[in-house]
Amino acid sequence: MTAPDAARGHSAATLFEAAKLPVACDPGIKPAWAGARVAGPAFTVHGLGGDNLALHNAVLAAPAGSVLVVDLQGAEHGHWGEILAAAAQHRGIAGLVLDGGVRDAAEQAAIGFPVFSRSVTVVGTAKDYAGEFGVPVRVGGRTVWPGDLVVGDGDGVVVIPGSVADTVLDRADQRVEDERRILREVAAGRSTLEIYNLDPAGRVSSGADA
């Protein structure tokens, strides 16, 4: 499964709407560089905040096309940088979603390796904890299981449980078709109030009548 095929080209926002489940990571997990996009099955990594040996091991262990999803407890250290990104890219890894800090954002942008993290920082790390792989991890407020579909772009990161991924992708396909129809109606001059059958006055009491 290639990264583009994994999500059928859908955005994180489209998949969030199609999932009808709490699948969004918290907004603190964001692209380390503008324009980063990633999609693929999760290869889960449990590391220790302030230590990046688990990431060196994960680059060797993860299959091509997978997304490294790493629990580092939000630690503000530069756990991942240009050299690890180049090594991961060489092995065909699709990208990284890390609950913690990274560094070398500009260099990773230059080689086009997609990284999503909680912070960007120069603070260094130890290399003592080997890490655990293929276990449930907590990233961005979501529990991520091995094989879950991970999609990230400029709007954020979503994690779709593997058991419902095909259903969500089918809904997302239909949602895209619906949005294309709506855009055609907008181009034809219809207002969004008409299209969505919205009451322009709203339905929420101002309090004055309460």
N, C-alpha and C. Protein backbone atom coordinates (compact mmCIF):
# COMPACT_ATOMS: atom_id res chain seq x y z
N MET A 1 0.85 -1.19 0.00
CA MET A 1 0.00 0.00 0.00
C MET A 1 0.88 1.24 0.00
N THR A 2 0.76 2.09 -1.04
CA THR A 2 1.52 3.32 -1.07
C THR A 2 0.79 4.38 -0.27
N ALA A 3 1.54 5.44 0.12
CA ALA A 3 0.92 6.47 0.95
C ALA A 3 -0.29 7.12 0.27
N PRO A 4 -0.21 7.52 -1.02
CA PRO A 4 -1.40 8.12 -1.63
C PRO A 4 -2.58 7.16 -1.70
N ASP A 5 -2.31 5.86 -1.99
CA ASP A 5 -3.40 4.90 -2.08
C ASP A 5 -4.08 4.68 -0.73
N ALA A 6 -3.31 4.81 0.35
CA ALA A 6 -3.83 4.49 1.68
C ALA A 6 -5.08 5.29 2.00
N ALA A 7 -5.14 6.55 1.60
CA ALA A 7 -6.29 7.41 1.92
C ALA A 7 -7.06 7.84 0.69
N ARG A 8 -6.76 7.23 -0.46
CA ARG A 8 -7.43 7.57 -1.72
C ARG A 8 -7.34 9.06 -2.02
N GLY A 9 -6.30 9.70 -1.52
CA GLY A 9 -6.10 11.12 -1.79
C GLY A 9 -6.95 12.05 -0.97
N HIS A 10 -7.67 11.54 0.01
CA HIS A 10 -8.56 12.39 0.80
C HIS A 10 -7.78 13.20 1.83
N SER A 11 -8.31 14.38 2.14
CA SER A 11 -7.71 15.23 3.16
C SER A 11 -8.09 14.73 4.55
N ALA A 12 -7.33 15.21 5.54
CA ALA A 12 -7.65 14.88 6.93
C ALA A 12 -9.04 15.37 7.29
N ALA A 13 -9.42 16.56 6.83
CA ALA A 13 -10.73 17.11 7.16
C ALA A 13 -11.86 16.26 6.58
N THR A 14 -11.70 15.83 5.33
CA THR A 14 -12.73 14.99 4.71
C THR A 14 -12.89 13.67 5.46
N LEU A 15 -11.78 13.08 5.84
CA LEU A 15 -11.85 11.82 6.58
C LEU A 15 -12.45 12.01 7.97
N PHE A 16 -12.14 13.13 8.60
CA PHE A 16 -12.75 13.41 9.90
C PHE A 16 -14.27 13.46 9.79
N GLU A 17 -14.76 14.18 8.79
CA GLU A 17 -16.20 14.29 8.62
C GLU A 17 -16.83 12.96 8.26
N ALA A 18 -16.13 12.17 7.45
CA ALA A 18 -16.67 10.89 7.02
C ALA A 18 -16.66 9.85 8.13
N ALA A 19 -15.72 9.97 9.06
CA ALA A 19 -15.57 8.94 10.10
C ALA A 19 -16.73 8.91 11.07
N LYS A 20 -17.25 10.09 11.42
CA LYS A 20 -18.31 10.19 12.43
C LYS A 20 -17.88 9.55 13.75
N LEU A 21 -16.60 9.70 14.03
CA LEU A 21 -15.98 9.18 15.25
C LEU A 21 -14.95 10.19 15.73
N PRO A 22 -14.54 10.13 17.00
CA PRO A 22 -13.49 11.04 17.49
C PRO A 22 -12.11 10.56 17.03
N VAL A 23 -11.74 10.95 15.81
CA VAL A 23 -10.51 10.44 15.20
C VAL A 23 -9.41 11.49 15.09
N ALA A 24 -9.68 12.73 15.46
CA ALA A 24 -8.70 13.79 15.28
C ALA A 24 -7.71 13.85 16.44
N CYS A 25 -6.43 13.92 16.11
CA CYS A 25 -5.43 14.24 17.13
C CYS A 25 -5.62 15.69 17.56
N ASP A 26 -5.16 16.01 18.76
CA ASP A 26 -5.35 17.39 19.22
C ASP A 26 -4.52 18.35 18.36
N PRO A 27 -4.93 19.63 18.30
CA PRO A 27 -4.29 20.58 17.40
C PRO A 27 -2.82 20.85 17.69
N GLY A 28 -2.32 20.37 18.84
CA GLY A 28 -0.91 20.53 19.13
C GLY A 28 -0.02 19.71 18.22
N ILE A 29 -0.57 18.67 17.59
CA ILE A 29 0.19 17.87 16.63
C ILE A 29 0.00 18.51 15.26
N LYS A 30 1.06 19.11 14.74
CA LYS A 30 0.95 19.89 13.51
C LYS A 30 2.17 19.67 12.63
N PRO A 31 2.07 20.07 11.36
CA PRO A 31 3.20 19.86 10.46
C PRO A 31 4.43 20.62 10.93
N ALA A 32 5.59 19.97 10.85
CA ALA A 32 6.85 20.64 11.20
C ALA A 32 7.26 21.62 10.10
N TRP A 33 6.72 21.42 8.91
CA TRP A 33 6.99 22.35 7.80
C TRP A 33 5.75 22.48 6.93
N ALA A 34 5.56 23.67 6.37
CA ALA A 34 4.36 23.97 5.59
C ALA A 34 4.28 23.08 4.36
N GLY A 35 3.11 22.51 4.14
CA GLY A 35 2.88 21.68 2.97
C GLY A 35 3.08 20.19 3.21
N ALA A 36 3.50 19.80 4.40
CA ALA A 36 3.69 18.38 4.69
C ALA A 36 2.36 17.64 4.62
N ARG A 37 2.37 16.48 4.00
CA ARG A 37 1.19 15.61 3.90
C ARG A 37 1.65 14.17 4.06
N VAL A 38 0.88 13.37 4.77
CA VAL A 38 1.24 11.98 4.96
C VAL A 38 0.00 11.12 5.02
N ALA A 39 0.11 9.88 4.54
CA ALA A 39 -0.98 8.91 4.66
C ALA A 39 -0.38 7.52 4.62
N GLY A 40 -0.86 6.66 5.50
CA GLY A 40 -0.39 5.29 5.51
C GLY A 40 -0.78 4.58 6.78
N PRO A 41 -0.52 3.27 6.83
CA PRO A 41 -0.81 2.51 8.04
C PRO A 41 0.19 2.81 9.14
N ALA A 42 -0.28 2.84 10.38
CA ALA A 42 0.56 3.19 11.52
C ALA A 42 1.53 2.06 11.87
N PHE A 43 2.79 2.43 12.03
CA PHE A 43 3.77 1.56 12.70
C PHE A 43 4.03 2.23 14.04
N THR A 44 3.52 1.64 15.09
CA THR A 44 3.51 2.31 16.38
C THR A 44 4.82 2.10 17.14
N VAL A 45 5.23 3.17 17.83
CA VAL A 45 6.49 3.18 18.57
C VAL A 45 6.24 3.81 19.93
N HIS A 46 6.61 3.12 20.98
CA HIS A 46 6.59 3.72 22.32
C HIS A 46 8.02 3.98 22.73
N GLY A 47 8.35 5.26 22.88
CA GLY A 47 9.67 5.66 23.30
C GLY A 47 9.65 6.36 24.64
N LEU A 48 10.77 6.91 25.00
CA LEU A 48 10.92 7.64 26.26
C LEU A 48 11.26 9.07 25.93
N GLY A 49 10.46 10.01 26.43
CA GLY A 49 10.71 11.41 26.17
C GLY A 49 12.14 11.81 26.53
N GLY A 50 12.82 12.50 25.61
CA GLY A 50 14.19 12.92 25.83
C GLY A 50 15.22 11.90 25.37
N ASP A 51 14.77 10.81 24.76
CA ASP A 51 15.66 9.74 24.29
C ASP A 51 15.19 9.33 22.89
N ASN A 52 16.11 9.17 21.94
CA ASN A 52 15.66 8.84 20.59
C ASN A 52 16.20 7.53 20.03
N LEU A 53 16.75 6.67 20.87
CA LEU A 53 17.22 5.37 20.37
C LEU A 53 16.07 4.57 19.76
N ALA A 54 14.87 4.69 20.34
CA ALA A 54 13.72 3.98 19.79
C ALA A 54 13.45 4.36 18.34
N LEU A 55 13.71 5.60 17.98
CA LEU A 55 13.47 6.06 16.62
C LEU A 55 14.49 5.48 15.65
N HIS A 56 15.75 5.40 16.07
CA HIS A 56 16.77 4.75 15.24
C HIS A 56 16.38 3.30 14.98
N ASN A 57 15.91 2.60 16.01
CA ASN A 57 15.49 1.22 15.85
C ASN A 57 14.25 1.11 14.98
N ALA A 58 13.31 2.06 15.12
CA ALA A 58 12.07 2.01 14.37
C ALA A 58 12.30 2.17 12.87
N VAL A 59 13.26 2.99 12.50
CA VAL A 59 13.55 3.18 11.07
C VAL A 59 13.96 1.86 10.43
N LEU A 60 14.65 1.02 11.16
CA LEU A 60 15.05 -0.30 10.64
C LEU A 60 13.91 -1.30 10.68
N ALA A 61 12.99 -1.14 11.63
CA ALA A 61 11.94 -2.14 11.83
C ALA A 61 10.69 -1.90 10.99
N ALA A 62 10.38 -0.65 10.66
CA ALA A 62 9.11 -0.32 10.01
C ALA A 62 9.11 -0.71 8.54
N PRO A 63 8.00 -1.24 8.04
CA PRO A 63 7.92 -1.58 6.61
C PRO A 63 7.74 -0.34 5.75
N ALA A 64 8.15 -0.47 4.50
CA ALA A 64 7.96 0.62 3.54
C ALA A 64 6.48 0.95 3.43
N GLY A 65 6.18 2.24 3.29
CA GLY A 65 4.80 2.70 3.16
C GLY A 65 4.11 3.01 4.46
N SER A 66 4.73 2.62 5.58
CA SER A 66 4.10 2.87 6.88
C SER A 66 4.43 4.26 7.40
N VAL A 67 3.63 4.71 8.36
CA VAL A 67 3.85 5.99 9.05
C VAL A 67 4.30 5.67 10.47
N LEU A 68 5.45 6.17 10.86
CA LEU A 68 5.89 6.02 12.24
C LEU A 68 5.01 6.88 13.13
N VAL A 69 4.36 6.28 14.11
CA VAL A 69 3.50 7.00 15.05
C VAL A 69 4.10 6.78 16.43
N VAL A 70 4.63 7.85 17.02
CA VAL A 70 5.55 7.71 18.14
C VAL A 70 5.05 8.45 19.37
N ASP A 71 4.93 7.71 20.46
CA ASP A 71 4.57 8.29 21.76
C ASP A 71 5.85 8.63 22.52
N LEU A 72 6.12 9.94 22.65
CA LEU A 72 7.25 10.42 23.45
C LEU A 72 6.78 11.37 24.54
N GLN A 73 5.52 11.20 24.93
CA GLN A 73 4.95 11.90 26.07
C GLN A 73 5.02 13.43 25.94
N GLY A 74 5.06 13.91 24.71
CA GLY A 74 5.07 15.35 24.47
C GLY A 74 6.38 16.04 24.82
N ALA A 75 7.44 15.28 25.05
CA ALA A 75 8.70 15.86 25.52
C ALA A 75 9.28 16.85 24.51
N GLU A 76 9.72 17.99 25.02
CA GLU A 76 10.23 19.05 24.15
C GLU A 76 11.73 18.90 23.93
N HIS A 77 12.06 17.84 23.18
CA HIS A 77 13.43 17.57 22.76
C HIS A 77 13.41 17.34 21.25
N GLY A 78 14.55 17.55 20.62
CA GLY A 78 14.66 17.31 19.19
C GLY A 78 14.93 15.84 18.92
N HIS A 79 13.90 15.01 19.02
CA HIS A 79 14.07 13.57 18.92
C HIS A 79 14.40 13.10 17.51
N TRP A 80 14.08 13.90 16.53
CA TRP A 80 14.16 13.46 15.12
C TRP A 80 14.66 14.64 14.29
N GLY A 81 15.58 14.35 13.37
CA GLY A 81 16.11 15.41 12.54
C GLY A 81 16.43 14.94 11.14
N GLU A 82 17.27 15.70 10.45
CA GLU A 82 17.53 15.47 9.04
C GLU A 82 18.09 14.07 8.76
N ILE A 83 19.02 13.60 9.57
CA ILE A 83 19.66 12.31 9.28
C ILE A 83 18.66 11.16 9.42
N LEU A 84 17.86 11.16 10.50
CA LEU A 84 16.84 10.12 10.63
C LEU A 84 15.81 10.21 9.51
N ALA A 85 15.45 11.43 9.11
CA ALA A 85 14.49 11.59 8.03
C ALA A 85 15.03 11.01 6.73
N ALA A 86 16.30 11.29 6.44
CA ALA A 86 16.91 10.76 5.22
C ALA A 86 16.97 9.23 5.26
N ALA A 87 17.30 8.68 6.42
CA ALA A 87 17.37 7.22 6.56
C ALA A 87 15.98 6.61 6.37
N ALA A 88 14.96 7.23 6.96
CA ALA A 88 13.59 6.73 6.83
C ALA A 88 13.11 6.81 5.38
N GLN A 89 13.42 7.92 4.73
CA GLN A 89 13.02 8.11 3.34
C GLN A 89 13.69 7.05 2.45
N HIS A 90 14.94 6.77 2.72
CA HIS A 90 15.67 5.76 1.95
C HIS A 90 15.01 4.39 2.07
N ARG A 91 14.42 4.11 3.21
CA ARG A 91 13.78 2.81 3.44
C ARG A 91 12.31 2.80 3.01
N GLY A 92 11.82 3.91 2.48
CA GLY A 92 10.46 3.95 1.96
C GLY A 92 9.39 4.23 2.98
N ILE A 93 9.78 4.68 4.18
CA ILE A 93 8.80 5.05 5.21
C ILE A 93 8.07 6.32 4.76
N ALA A 94 6.75 6.33 4.96
CA ALA A 94 5.93 7.40 4.40
C ALA A 94 6.04 8.71 5.16
N GLY A 95 6.29 8.66 6.48
CA GLY A 95 6.36 9.88 7.26
C GLY A 95 6.35 9.58 8.74
N LEU A 96 6.24 10.65 9.52
CA LEU A 96 6.35 10.56 10.98
C LEU A 96 5.27 11.41 11.64
N VAL A 97 4.60 10.83 12.62
CA VAL A 97 3.72 11.58 13.53
C VAL A 97 4.24 11.30 14.93
N LEU A 98 4.67 12.35 15.62
CA LEU A 98 5.41 12.18 16.87
C LEU A 98 4.86 13.11 17.94
N ASP A 99 4.49 12.54 19.09
CA ASP A 99 4.01 13.36 20.20
C ASP A 99 5.23 13.74 21.04
N GLY A 100 5.87 14.79 20.61
CA GLY A 100 7.11 15.29 21.19
C GLY A 100 7.73 16.27 20.22
N GLY A 101 9.01 16.56 20.41
CA GLY A 101 9.67 17.56 19.58
C GLY A 101 10.58 16.95 18.52
N VAL A 102 10.82 17.74 17.46
CA VAL A 102 11.76 17.39 16.41
C VAL A 102 12.63 18.62 16.12
N ARG A 103 13.61 18.45 15.23
CA ARG A 103 14.43 19.58 14.80
C ARG A 103 14.69 19.45 13.30
N ASP A 104 15.47 20.37 12.77
CA ASP A 104 15.84 20.37 11.34
C ASP A 104 14.61 20.44 10.44
N ALA A 105 13.67 21.29 10.79
CA ALA A 105 12.43 21.38 10.00
C ALA A 105 12.71 21.81 8.56
N ALA A 106 13.57 22.78 8.37
CA ALA A 106 13.86 23.27 7.01
C ALA A 106 14.52 22.19 6.17
N GLU A 107 15.44 21.46 6.78
CA GLU A 107 16.13 20.39 6.05
C GLU A 107 15.18 19.27 5.66
N GLN A 108 14.24 18.95 6.53
CA GLN A 108 13.27 17.91 6.20
C GLN A 108 12.29 18.38 5.13
N ALA A 109 11.98 19.67 5.14
CA ALA A 109 11.16 20.22 4.07
C ALA A 109 11.90 20.11 2.73
N ALA A 110 13.20 20.35 2.76
CA ALA A 110 13.99 20.34 1.53
C ALA A 110 14.01 18.96 0.87
N ILE A 111 13.99 17.90 1.69
CA ILE A 111 13.98 16.56 1.10
C ILE A 111 12.56 16.00 0.97
N GLY A 112 11.58 16.76 1.47
CA GLY A 112 10.18 16.37 1.30
C GLY A 112 9.73 15.24 2.20
N PHE A 113 10.36 15.10 3.39
CA PHE A 113 9.92 14.05 4.30
C PHE A 113 8.89 14.63 5.26
N PRO A 114 7.65 14.12 5.24
CA PRO A 114 6.58 14.71 6.06
C PRO A 114 6.70 14.35 7.53
N VAL A 115 6.68 15.38 8.37
CA VAL A 115 6.81 15.23 9.81
C VAL A 115 5.73 16.04 10.50
N PHE A 116 5.05 15.42 11.47
CA PHE A 116 4.05 16.09 12.29
C PHE A 116 4.48 15.88 13.74
N SER A 117 4.55 16.97 14.50
CA SER A 117 5.08 16.88 15.86
C SER A 117 4.41 17.92 16.74
N ARG A 118 4.70 17.84 18.04
CA ARG A 118 4.13 18.80 18.98
C ARG A 118 4.98 20.06 19.07
N SER A 119 6.28 19.98 18.78
CA SER A 119 7.15 21.14 18.86
C SER A 119 8.35 20.96 17.97
N VAL A 120 9.03 22.06 17.69
CA VAL A 120 10.31 22.05 16.98
C VAL A 120 11.32 22.71 17.91
N THR A 121 12.41 22.00 18.20
CA THR A 121 13.36 22.48 19.20
C THR A 121 14.75 21.92 18.93
N VAL A 122 15.75 22.64 19.39
CA VAL A 122 17.14 22.18 19.20
C VAL A 122 17.63 21.30 20.35
N VAL A 123 16.84 21.15 21.40
CA VAL A 123 17.31 20.43 22.60
C VAL A 123 17.64 18.98 22.25
N GLY A 124 18.80 18.51 22.67
CA GLY A 124 19.27 17.18 22.32
C GLY A 124 18.66 16.07 23.15
N THR A 125 19.03 14.83 22.80
CA THR A 125 18.45 13.64 23.44
C THR A 125 19.53 12.65 23.86
N ALA A 126 19.14 11.75 24.77
CA ALA A 126 19.95 10.59 25.09
C ALA A 126 19.65 9.47 24.09
N LYS A 127 20.38 8.38 24.20
CA LYS A 127 20.18 7.23 23.31
C LYS A 127 20.34 5.95 24.13
N ASP A 128 19.38 5.74 25.03
CA ASP A 128 19.48 4.62 25.97
C ASP A 128 18.30 3.66 25.92
N TYR A 129 17.10 4.14 25.54
CA TYR A 129 15.90 3.32 25.62
C TYR A 129 15.56 2.73 24.26
N ALA A 130 15.57 1.41 24.15
CA ALA A 130 15.42 0.74 22.85
C ALA A 130 14.03 0.90 22.25
N GLY A 131 13.02 1.10 23.07
CA GLY A 131 11.66 1.30 22.57
C GLY A 131 10.86 0.02 22.44
N GLU A 132 9.55 0.19 22.28
CA GLU A 132 8.62 -0.92 22.02
C GLU A 132 7.89 -0.62 20.72
N PHE A 133 7.66 -1.65 19.93
CA PHE A 133 7.02 -1.49 18.63
C PHE A 133 5.79 -2.38 18.53
N GLY A 134 4.82 -1.95 17.70
CA GLY A 134 3.63 -2.76 17.48
C GLY A 134 2.73 -2.86 18.69
N VAL A 135 2.77 -1.83 19.53
CA VAL A 135 1.91 -1.78 20.72
C VAL A 135 1.00 -0.56 20.60
N PRO A 136 -0.15 -0.55 21.30
CA PRO A 136 -0.97 0.67 21.29
C PRO A 136 -0.19 1.83 21.90
N VAL A 137 -0.31 3.00 21.29
CA VAL A 137 0.37 4.19 21.80
C VAL A 137 -0.63 5.33 21.90
N ARG A 138 -0.27 6.33 22.68
CA ARG A 138 -1.12 7.50 22.87
C ARG A 138 -0.42 8.69 22.22
N VAL A 139 -1.02 9.20 21.17
CA VAL A 139 -0.43 10.30 20.40
C VAL A 139 -1.51 11.33 20.10
N GLY A 140 -1.26 12.57 20.48
CA GLY A 140 -2.24 13.62 20.20
C GLY A 140 -3.59 13.39 20.82
N GLY A 141 -3.60 12.72 21.99
CA GLY A 141 -4.85 12.46 22.67
C GLY A 141 -5.64 11.28 22.13
N ARG A 142 -5.10 10.58 21.14
CA ARG A 142 -5.76 9.42 20.55
C ARG A 142 -4.94 8.17 20.84
N THR A 143 -5.64 7.06 21.05
CA THR A 143 -4.96 5.77 21.12
C THR A 143 -4.83 5.22 19.72
N VAL A 144 -3.61 4.92 19.33
CA VAL A 144 -3.32 4.45 17.98
C VAL A 144 -2.86 3.00 18.05
N TRP A 145 -3.47 2.15 17.23
CA TRP A 145 -3.12 0.74 17.16
C TRP A 145 -2.33 0.48 15.89
N PRO A 146 -1.47 -0.51 15.90
CA PRO A 146 -0.76 -0.87 14.67
C PRO A 146 -1.73 -1.10 13.52
N GLY A 147 -1.41 -0.52 12.36
CA GLY A 147 -2.24 -0.71 11.18
C GLY A 147 -3.36 0.29 11.02
N ASP A 148 -3.65 1.11 12.03
CA ASP A 148 -4.65 2.17 11.85
C ASP A 148 -4.22 3.09 10.71
N LEU A 149 -5.18 3.65 10.01
CA LEU A 149 -4.89 4.57 8.91
C LEU A 149 -4.62 5.96 9.47
N VAL A 150 -3.43 6.49 9.18
CA VAL A 150 -3.02 7.81 9.67
C VAL A 150 -2.91 8.75 8.48
N VAL A 151 -3.58 9.90 8.59
CA VAL A 151 -3.55 10.91 7.53
C VAL A 151 -3.29 12.26 8.16
N GLY A 152 -2.31 12.98 7.64
CA GLY A 152 -1.99 14.31 8.15
C GLY A 152 -1.77 15.29 7.02
N ASP A 153 -2.21 16.53 7.23
CA ASP A 153 -1.95 17.61 6.29
C ASP A 153 -1.99 18.92 7.06
N GLY A 154 -2.14 20.04 6.36
CA GLY A 154 -2.09 21.33 7.01
C GLY A 154 -3.19 21.58 8.02
N ASP A 155 -4.27 20.79 7.97
CA ASP A 155 -5.37 20.95 8.91
C ASP A 155 -5.21 20.12 10.17
N GLY A 156 -4.30 19.16 10.16
CA GLY A 156 -4.09 18.32 11.34
C GLY A 156 -3.93 16.87 10.97
N VAL A 157 -4.04 16.01 11.98
CA VAL A 157 -3.83 14.57 11.81
C VAL A 157 -5.06 13.82 12.30
N VAL A 158 -5.50 12.83 11.52
CA VAL A 158 -6.57 11.93 11.94
C VAL A 158 -6.04 10.51 11.94
N VAL A 159 -6.64 9.70 12.83
CA VAL A 159 -6.28 8.28 12.95
C VAL A 159 -7.57 7.49 12.82
N ILE A 160 -7.70 6.75 11.73
CA ILE A 160 -8.90 5.97 11.46
C ILE A 160 -8.65 4.52 11.88
N PRO A 161 -9.46 3.98 12.80
CA PRO A 161 -9.26 2.59 13.19
C PRO A 161 -9.26 1.66 11.98
N GLY A 162 -8.34 0.73 11.96
CA GLY A 162 -8.23 -0.16 10.82
C GLY A 162 -9.50 -0.93 10.54
N SER A 163 -10.28 -1.25 11.57
CA SER A 163 -11.50 -2.04 11.41
C SER A 163 -12.59 -1.31 10.61
N VAL A 164 -12.52 0.02 10.55
CA VAL A 164 -13.56 0.78 9.84
C VAL A 164 -12.99 1.61 8.70
N ALA A 165 -11.72 1.43 8.39
CA ALA A 165 -11.07 2.30 7.40
C ALA A 165 -11.75 2.23 6.04
N ASP A 166 -12.08 1.03 5.56
CA ASP A 166 -12.71 0.93 4.24
C ASP A 166 -14.06 1.63 4.21
N THR A 167 -14.84 1.47 5.27
CA THR A 167 -16.14 2.14 5.34
C THR A 167 -15.97 3.66 5.33
N VAL A 168 -15.02 4.16 6.11
CA VAL A 168 -14.78 5.60 6.16
C VAL A 168 -14.31 6.13 4.81
N LEU A 169 -13.45 5.39 4.14
CA LEU A 169 -12.98 5.82 2.83
C LEU A 169 -14.11 5.86 1.82
N ASP A 170 -15.02 4.90 1.88
CA ASP A 170 -16.19 4.93 0.98
C ASP A 170 -17.06 6.16 1.26
N ARG A 171 -17.27 6.46 2.54
CA ARG A 171 -18.03 7.67 2.89
C ARG A 171 -17.32 8.92 2.40
N ALA A 172 -16.00 8.92 2.51
CA ALA A 172 -15.22 10.08 2.07
C ALA A 172 -15.35 10.27 0.56
N ASP A 173 -15.34 9.17 -0.18
CA ASP A 173 -15.55 9.27 -1.64
C ASP A 173 -16.87 9.95 -1.94
N GLN A 174 -17.94 9.54 -1.23
CA GLN A 174 -19.25 10.13 -1.45
C GLN A 174 -19.26 11.59 -1.04
N ARG A 175 -18.57 11.91 0.05
CA ARG A 175 -18.53 13.29 0.52
C ARG A 175 -17.87 14.20 -0.52
N VAL A 176 -16.82 13.72 -1.14
CA VAL A 176 -16.15 14.50 -2.18
C VAL A 176 -17.10 14.76 -3.35
N GLU A 177 -17.85 13.73 -3.74
CA GLU A 177 -18.83 13.93 -4.82
C GLU A 177 -19.88 14.96 -4.43
N ASP A 178 -20.34 14.90 -3.19
CA ASP A 178 -21.33 15.88 -2.71
C ASP A 178 -20.75 17.29 -2.73
N GLU A 179 -19.50 17.43 -2.32
CA GLU A 179 -18.88 18.76 -2.29
C GLU A 179 -18.69 19.31 -3.71
N ARG A 180 -18.38 18.44 -4.65
CA ARG A 180 -18.26 18.89 -6.04
C ARG A 180 -19.59 19.41 -6.55
N ARG A 181 -20.67 18.69 -6.19
CA ARG A 181 -22.00 19.15 -6.59
C ARG A 181 -22.31 20.51 -5.98
N ILE A 182 -22.00 20.68 -4.69
CA ILE A 182 -22.25 21.95 -4.01
C ILE A 182 -21.47 23.08 -4.66
N LEU A 183 -20.21 22.81 -5.01
CA LEU A 183 -19.40 23.84 -5.66
C LEU A 183 -19.99 24.24 -7.02
N ARG A 184 -20.56 23.27 -7.72
CA ARG A 184 -21.21 23.60 -8.99
C ARG A 184 -22.41 24.50 -8.75
N GLU A 185 -23.16 24.21 -7.67
CA GLU A 185 -24.32 25.04 -7.36
C GLU A 185 -23.89 26.45 -6.95
N VAL A 186 -22.81 26.56 -6.19
CA VAL A 186 -22.28 27.88 -5.83
C VAL A 186 -21.89 28.64 -7.10
N ALA A 187 -21.21 27.96 -8.01
CA ALA A 187 -20.80 28.60 -9.26
C ALA A 187 -22.00 29.05 -10.09
N ALA A 188 -23.14 28.35 -9.91
CA ALA A 188 -24.35 28.71 -10.64
C ALA A 188 -25.13 29.84 -9.97
N GLY A 189 -24.67 30.28 -8.80
CA GLY A 189 -25.27 31.44 -8.16
C GLY A 189 -26.09 31.15 -6.92
N ARG A 190 -26.24 29.90 -6.52
CA ARG A 190 -27.00 29.61 -5.30
C ARG A 190 -26.18 29.97 -4.08
N SER A 191 -26.84 30.44 -3.04
CA SER A 191 -26.16 30.78 -1.79
C SER A 191 -25.99 29.53 -0.94
N THR A 192 -25.03 29.59 -0.04
CA THR A 192 -24.84 28.46 0.87
C THR A 192 -26.03 28.30 1.81
N LEU A 193 -26.73 29.39 2.11
CA LEU A 193 -27.93 29.29 2.94
C LEU A 193 -28.99 28.43 2.23
N GLU A 194 -29.13 28.65 0.92
CA GLU A 194 -30.10 27.85 0.16
C GLU A 194 -29.66 26.39 0.07
N ILE A 195 -28.42 26.19 -0.25
CA ILE A 195 -27.93 24.83 -0.47
C ILE A 195 -28.08 23.98 0.78
N TYR A 196 -27.73 24.57 1.93
CA TYR A 196 -27.78 23.81 3.18
C TYR A 196 -29.10 23.98 3.93
N ASN A 197 -30.04 24.71 3.31
CA ASN A 197 -31.36 24.93 3.92
C ASN A 197 -31.21 25.51 5.33
N LEU A 198 -30.43 26.59 5.43
CA LEU A 198 -30.14 27.22 6.72
C LEU A 198 -31.07 28.39 6.97
N ASP A 199 -31.45 28.60 8.20
CA ASP A 199 -32.23 29.76 8.62
C ASP A 199 -31.25 30.90 8.89
N PRO A 200 -31.26 31.98 8.11
CA PRO A 200 -30.29 33.06 8.30
C PRO A 200 -30.40 33.73 9.66
N ALA A 201 -31.57 33.60 10.33
CA ALA A 201 -31.75 34.21 11.65
C ALA A 201 -31.24 33.31 12.76
N GLY A 202 -30.92 32.06 12.42
CA GLY A 202 -30.45 31.13 13.42
C GLY A 202 -31.59 30.58 14.27
N ARG A 203 -31.25 29.64 15.15
CA ARG A 203 -32.27 29.02 16.01
C ARG A 203 -31.91 29.09 17.47
N VAL A 204 -30.84 29.81 17.80
CA VAL A 204 -30.38 29.89 19.19
C VAL A 204 -30.97 31.14 19.84
N SER A 205 -31.56 30.97 21.01
CA SER A 205 -32.15 32.09 21.72
C SER A 205 -31.07 33.07 22.15
N SER A 206 -31.34 34.38 22.02
CA SER A 206 -30.39 35.39 22.45
C SER A 206 -30.35 35.54 23.96
N GLY A 207 -31.36 34.99 24.64
CA GLY A 207 -31.44 35.13 26.09
C GLY A 207 -32.45 36.18 26.50
N ALA A 208 -32.74 37.08 25.58
CA ALA A 208 -33.67 38.16 25.91
C ALA A 208 -35.08 37.64 26.11
N ASP A 209 -35.40 36.53 25.40
CA ASP A 209 -36.74 35.98 25.48
C ASP A 209 -36.86 34.87 26.49
N ALA A 210 -35.76 34.55 27.14
CA ALA A 210 -35.77 33.41 28.05
C ALA A 210 -36.59 33.72 29.31
